[in-house]
Structure formats: structure tokens, C-alpha cells
Protein backbone atom coordinates (compact mmCIF):
# COMPACT_ATOMS: atom_id res chain seq x y z
CA MET A 1 -23.45 -6.29 -12.40
CA GLN A 2 -20.23 -7.39 -10.70
CA GLU A 3 -20.57 -9.38 -7.52
CA SER A 4 -18.76 -7.92 -4.51
CA VAL A 5 -16.11 -10.12 -2.94
CA LYS A 6 -16.44 -10.72 0.79
CA VAL A 7 -13.18 -11.11 2.67
CA GLN A 8 -13.62 -13.63 5.45
CA GLN A 9 -11.67 -13.29 8.68
CA ILE A 10 -10.50 -16.77 9.51
CA PRO A 11 -10.25 -18.21 13.02
CA VAL A 12 -6.85 -19.37 14.25
CA LYS A 13 -5.22 -21.53 16.89
CA MET A 14 -1.84 -20.33 18.14
CA TYR A 15 0.36 -22.24 20.51
CA ARG A 16 3.92 -22.01 21.76
CA ALA A 17 6.52 -24.71 22.27
CA ALA A 18 9.98 -24.10 23.71
CA GLU A 19 11.49 -23.08 20.36
CA ARG A 20 8.59 -22.07 18.11
CA LEU A 21 5.17 -20.54 17.69
CA THR A 22 2.65 -22.48 15.64
CA VAL A 23 -0.47 -21.02 14.05
CA ALA A 24 -3.16 -23.13 12.36
CA ALA A 25 -6.05 -21.70 10.33
CA PRO A 26 -8.79 -23.26 8.19
CA MET A 27 -8.70 -22.04 4.57
CA PRO A 28 -10.77 -24.68 2.73
CA GLY A 29 -11.01 -25.02 -1.01
CA LEU A 30 -7.77 -23.32 -2.02
CA LEU A 31 -4.77 -24.48 -3.97
CA PRO A 32 -1.30 -23.91 -2.48
CA GLU A 33 -0.55 -21.13 -4.96
CA ASP A 34 -3.58 -19.18 -3.65
CA ILE A 35 -2.07 -18.80 -0.16
CA VAL A 36 0.43 -16.20 1.07
CA VAL A 37 1.86 -16.11 4.58
CA GLU A 38 3.74 -13.00 5.69
CA VAL A 39 5.51 -11.90 8.84
CA ASN A 40 6.21 -8.19 8.81
CA SER A 41 8.83 -6.21 10.74
CA ASP A 42 6.19 -5.28 13.37
CA SER A 43 5.88 -8.98 14.36
CA HIS A 44 2.45 -9.38 12.77
CA LEU A 45 1.46 -12.56 10.95
CA LEU A 46 -0.71 -12.06 7.86
CA LEU A 47 -2.56 -14.96 6.25
CA ARG A 48 -4.17 -14.42 2.84
CA GLY A 49 -6.10 -16.76 0.58
CA GLU A 50 -7.28 -15.56 -2.81
CA LEU A 51 -10.87 -16.01 -3.94
CA ARG A 52 -11.47 -19.04 -6.16
CA GLY A 53 -14.30 -20.69 -8.00
CA MET A 54 -17.08 -18.16 -8.23
CA LEU A 55 -20.27 -20.08 -8.92
CA LYS A 56 -21.03 -19.84 -12.63
CA ASP A 57 -24.32 -20.06 -14.48
CA ILE A 58 -26.42 -20.18 -11.33
CA LYS A 59 -29.96 -19.06 -11.98
CA GLU A 60 -30.96 -18.48 -8.38
CA LEU A 61 -28.56 -18.57 -5.43
CA LEU A 62 -30.65 -19.63 -2.46
CA VAL A 63 -28.12 -19.59 0.41
CA ASP A 64 -24.71 -17.91 0.33
CA GLU A 65 -23.01 -18.14 3.72
CA TRP A 66 -19.39 -18.65 2.65
CA SER A 67 -17.17 -18.69 -0.37
CA VAL A 68 -13.92 -20.40 -1.23
CA GLY A 69 -11.31 -17.79 -0.57
CA GLY A 70 -11.21 -14.20 0.10
CA TYR A 71 -9.61 -15.29 3.40
CA TYR A 72 -7.60 -12.83 5.50
CA ARG A 73 -6.25 -12.66 9.03
CA GLU A 74 -3.69 -10.46 10.71
CA LEU A 75 -2.54 -11.05 14.24
CA ALA A 76 0.21 -9.80 16.51
CA LEU A 77 2.73 -12.45 17.47
CA PRO A 78 3.64 -12.66 21.18
CA ASP A 79 7.33 -13.31 20.42
CA SER A 80 9.93 -12.30 17.87
CA VAL A 81 10.30 -14.94 15.15
CA ASP A 82 12.58 -15.80 12.24
CA ALA A 83 10.11 -16.04 9.35
CA GLU A 84 12.85 -17.00 6.87
CA ARG A 85 13.22 -20.31 8.75
CA ALA A 86 9.48 -20.96 9.06
CA ASN A 87 7.74 -24.10 7.85
CA VAL A 88 4.30 -23.74 6.26
CA THR A 89 2.06 -26.61 5.22
CA TYR A 90 -1.40 -26.73 3.65
CA ARG A 91 -3.30 -30.00 3.89
CA ASN A 92 -6.97 -30.88 4.23
CA GLY A 93 -7.94 -27.21 3.97
CA VAL A 94 -5.80 -26.10 6.93
CA VAL A 95 -2.66 -23.95 6.75
CA VAL A 96 -0.13 -24.53 9.56
CA VAL A 97 2.73 -22.07 10.13
CA ALA A 98 5.62 -23.05 12.43
CA LEU A 99 7.79 -20.04 13.28
CA PRO A 100 11.08 -20.38 15.18
CA ILE A 101 11.28 -18.00 18.14
CA SER A 102 14.15 -15.56 17.71
CA THR A 103 15.83 -12.68 19.53
CA ARG A 104 14.53 -10.32 16.82
CA THR A 105 11.87 -10.57 14.14
CA ILE A 106 13.15 -11.45 10.69
CA PRO A 107 10.30 -10.68 8.26
CA ALA A 108 9.52 -12.73 5.16
CA ILE A 109 6.80 -13.39 2.61
CA LEU A 110 6.24 -17.12 2.27
CA THR A 111 4.55 -18.77 -0.69
CA LEU A 112 3.74 -22.44 -0.88
CA GLU A 113 5.10 -24.92 -3.39
CA LYS A 114 2.63 -27.47 -4.66
CA VAL A 115 3.55 -30.99 -3.50
CA GLY A 116 0.29 -32.78 -4.30
CA MET A 117 -3.15 -32.21 -5.81
CA ASP A 118 -4.17 -29.77 -3.11
CA HIS A 119 -1.19 -29.90 -0.77
CA GLY A 120 1.57 -27.35 -0.46
CA GLU A 121 4.50 -26.43 1.72
CA TYR A 122 7.23 -23.92 2.37
CA VAL A 123 10.20 -25.43 4.18
CA GLY A 124 12.54 -23.17 6.10
CA ASN A 125 13.39 -25.79 8.77
CA ALA A 126 11.58 -24.08 11.67
CA GLY A 127 14.18 -24.47 14.35
CA HIS A 128 15.51 -27.78 13.00
CA THR A 129 18.87 -28.30 11.41
CA GLN A 130 18.98 -29.84 7.97
CA ILE A 131 20.20 -33.39 7.71
């Protein structure tokens, strides 16, 4: 009997600064390579985290209120953004996406590079010039 995978809708915080939108979402227990951030041409942000670590060899599961992964959230962005220049970080179980506000939406699929045991980032210089 195969266990069904529950996809969990994750809560978010979104805030705007003069030059960028920032979205933060808890996605605990993942590795950077399990996370995909996408901005589509309709100005929607999609956050996905793949299921990890199914409990093995458990005789009797007594409480099962959450699992690591199977995370998903889609939300409409209030402004056009340049996703190619976004910065994405994953630390302490929280993914943070900084998207530069733009005159038109430039879509992109962003994957994180591992920069530590359970840390990852995608650097597109969200509104900052490279030094």
C-alpha cells in the first residue's frame, strides 16, 4: 500500500521596499536542491519543495500532522518583477526571495546552489549592481 503524499500550502510574508518585493516562507527540513522558485509570465510566484524523508520502518504512527516537504504555494505578485535578477536564500528552514521591481515581468525558474550543509542561494543581484 503506497502512502499518499500531502502537499502543504505554506504561509508567506510579503513586503515591498522602494526597489523590490520580498517574500519569505517556512519550508523546514529541506535541502537547497529540493526547492524551486518560479516567477511566470502572469506575475505569479510559485514556491515548491519536494517531499523528503518518509518515515521508514515505523510500526505504528501515532500522530502525523506534518511532513518534511510536499510544500507548495502560488501567489499573485502586486508588481511586475525581474525574476532573472532575483536573489533567493534558504537558511534555518526559511526561503527568502528578493525580486527587483520592474516595468514588465521577466519570468524565470530559480534553483538554489548548495553553499553549506543545509543552506542554499541563487544570486541574481536583486536590484544591486555587482562590485
